[in-house]
Amino acid sequence: MTNNVSDSNETQTAAQEEAKDGSDTVIVHEGSSERVANKEEFSDLRVNRDNVFDYVIAAVNQSDGGDASLIKFQQPEFSAQGNGLWNIAANNKSGVGAYTFIVNQDGTVSIYNGTMDEKIDEQKVNLK
């Protein structure tokens, strides 16, 4: 029986690592629990795994002096609160500075310094 628990934990850990490497899976936060889901589960949302970076890049480039090419983004995670939020951690390619991006389903992107220490900007993005 211990092997089943160990195998289950190893499978979940492997799935979480896969979700972080840009694959077809997404880490989903549901209150205090976390699970790994296929990105297709969110394909009917306005902001989904396939376009969330388009929103973030547009928001960064729309902000005063913003240049998304200078930022290294981590894989997005989905929070099932409300209508669903995407959370993306990032840092400067120079190695100095960190950001958190929160993308709402209405296309609003909030940009925070560090791990949500201070809100830097908020941009409403309309993709065409």
Protein backbone atom coordinates (compact mmCIF):
# COMPACT_ATOMS: atom_id res chain seq x y z
CA MET A 1 0.00 0.00 0.00
CA THR A 2 2.89 2.36 0.65
CA ASN A 3 3.98 1.91 -2.97
CA ASN A 4 0.62 3.23 -4.21
CA VAL A 5 1.00 6.41 -2.17
CA SER A 6 4.61 6.80 -3.28
CA ASP A 7 3.70 6.14 -6.93
CA SER A 8 0.84 8.64 -6.69
CA ASN A 9 3.13 11.30 -5.24
CA GLU A 10 5.76 10.63 -7.92
CA THR A 11 3.12 10.86 -10.65
CA GLN A 12 1.80 14.17 -9.32
CA THR A 13 5.33 15.56 -8.96
CA ALA A 14 6.15 14.51 -12.53
CA ALA A 15 2.92 16.09 -13.78
CA GLN A 16 3.72 19.34 -11.93
CA GLU A 17 7.19 19.45 -13.48
CA GLU A 18 5.61 18.84 -16.90
CA ALA A 19 3.19 21.73 -16.28
CA LYS A 20 6.15 24.02 -15.62
CA ASP A 21 8.03 23.14 -18.81
CA GLY A 22 5.53 24.55 -21.31
CA SER A 23 3.69 21.35 -22.04
CA ASP A 24 -0.03 20.80 -22.37
CA THR A 25 -0.68 20.64 -18.64
CA VAL A 26 -1.44 23.43 -16.18
CA ILE A 27 -1.14 23.65 -12.40
CA VAL A 28 -4.56 24.62 -11.04
CA HIS A 29 -5.07 26.16 -7.61
CA GLU A 30 -8.49 25.54 -6.08
CA GLY A 31 -8.59 27.12 -2.64
CA SER A 32 -6.08 25.28 -0.50
CA SER A 33 -5.69 22.39 -2.94
CA GLU A 34 -3.70 22.05 -6.13
CA ARG A 35 -4.06 19.74 -9.12
CA VAL A 36 -2.64 19.29 -12.59
CA ALA A 37 -5.03 19.57 -15.55
CA ASN A 38 -4.81 19.43 -19.32
CA LYS A 39 -4.79 22.89 -20.90
CA GLU A 40 -7.83 21.91 -23.00
CA GLU A 41 -9.95 22.13 -19.84
CA PHE A 42 -9.63 25.93 -20.11
CA SER A 43 -9.87 26.33 -23.89
CA ASP A 44 -13.38 27.84 -23.72
CA LEU A 45 -12.21 30.72 -21.50
CA ARG A 46 -11.48 34.11 -23.05
CA VAL A 47 -8.01 34.04 -21.49
CA ASN A 48 -6.64 30.51 -21.69
CA ARG A 49 -3.31 28.71 -21.71
CA ASP A 50 -2.85 29.31 -25.44
CA ASN A 51 -3.23 33.12 -25.29
CA VAL A 52 -2.35 34.18 -21.73
CA PHE A 53 1.17 35.23 -22.77
CA ASP A 54 -0.29 37.38 -25.57
CA TYR A 55 -2.18 39.35 -22.90
CA VAL A 56 0.86 39.70 -20.64
CA ILE A 57 3.24 40.72 -23.42
CA ALA A 58 0.74 43.29 -24.75
CA ALA A 59 0.25 44.72 -21.23
CA VAL A 60 3.98 45.03 -20.61
CA ASN A 61 4.57 46.68 -23.97
CA GLN A 62 1.62 49.06 -23.42
CA SER A 63 2.97 50.22 -20.07
CA ASP A 64 5.24 53.25 -19.89
CA GLY A 65 8.73 52.14 -20.89
CA GLY A 66 7.77 48.47 -20.91
CA ASP A 67 9.65 45.95 -23.04
CA ALA A 68 8.51 42.34 -22.74
CA SER A 69 11.61 41.10 -24.58
CA LEU A 70 13.63 41.90 -21.44
CA ILE A 71 11.55 39.57 -19.25
CA LYS A 72 11.85 35.82 -18.73
CA PHE A 73 8.41 34.37 -17.96
CA GLN A 74 7.67 31.22 -15.97
CA GLN A 75 4.85 28.85 -16.89
CA PRO A 76 1.38 30.18 -16.05
CA GLU A 77 -0.70 28.73 -13.23
CA PHE A 78 -4.48 28.93 -13.09
CA SER A 79 -6.44 29.96 -10.02
CA ALA A 80 -10.04 28.76 -10.06
CA GLN A 81 -11.24 31.66 -7.85
CA GLY A 82 -13.97 33.84 -9.36
CA ASN A 83 -14.06 33.53 -13.14
CA GLY A 84 -10.49 32.27 -13.20
CA LEU A 85 -7.18 34.09 -12.93
CA TRP A 86 -3.84 33.31 -14.52
CA ASN A 87 -0.71 33.92 -12.44
CA ILE A 88 2.70 34.19 -14.10
CA ALA A 89 5.96 34.75 -12.23
CA ALA A 90 8.79 36.39 -14.13
CA ASN A 91 12.16 38.05 -13.74
CA ASN A 92 14.41 40.32 -15.75
CA LYS A 93 16.71 38.53 -18.16
CA SER A 94 19.50 40.60 -16.58
CA GLY A 95 18.89 38.70 -13.33
CA VAL A 96 17.85 41.81 -11.40
CA GLY A 97 14.18 42.23 -10.51
CA ALA A 98 11.16 39.97 -10.32
CA TYR A 99 7.51 40.37 -11.31
CA THR A 100 4.15 38.72 -10.89
CA PHE A 101 1.46 39.08 -13.56
CA ILE A 102 -2.21 38.43 -12.79
CA VAL A 103 -4.48 38.10 -15.83
CA ASN A 104 -8.26 38.35 -15.36
CA GLN A 105 -10.78 36.88 -17.78
CA ASP A 106 -11.79 40.40 -18.88
CA GLY A 107 -8.27 40.98 -20.24
CA THR A 108 -7.04 43.14 -17.37
CA VAL A 109 -3.40 42.47 -16.55
CA SER A 110 -2.05 43.56 -13.17
CA ILE A 111 1.72 43.89 -12.94
CA TYR A 112 3.34 43.54 -9.52
CA ASN A 113 6.88 44.08 -8.34
CA GLY A 114 8.28 40.90 -6.82
CA THR A 115 5.80 38.45 -5.38
CA MET A 116 2.91 40.89 -5.34
CA ASP A 117 4.72 43.30 -3.02
CA GLU A 118 3.69 46.43 -4.92
CA LYS A 119 1.36 46.94 -7.88
CA ILE A 120 3.36 48.62 -10.63
CA ASP A 121 0.70 48.95 -13.30
CA GLU A 122 -2.59 47.65 -14.62
CA GLN A 123 -3.45 47.44 -18.30
CA LYS A 124 -6.67 46.49 -20.06
CA VAL A 125 -5.74 44.42 -23.11
CA ASN A 126 -7.95 43.76 -26.11
CA LEU A 127 -6.51 41.18 -28.47
CA LYS A 128 -7.67 41.41 -32.06
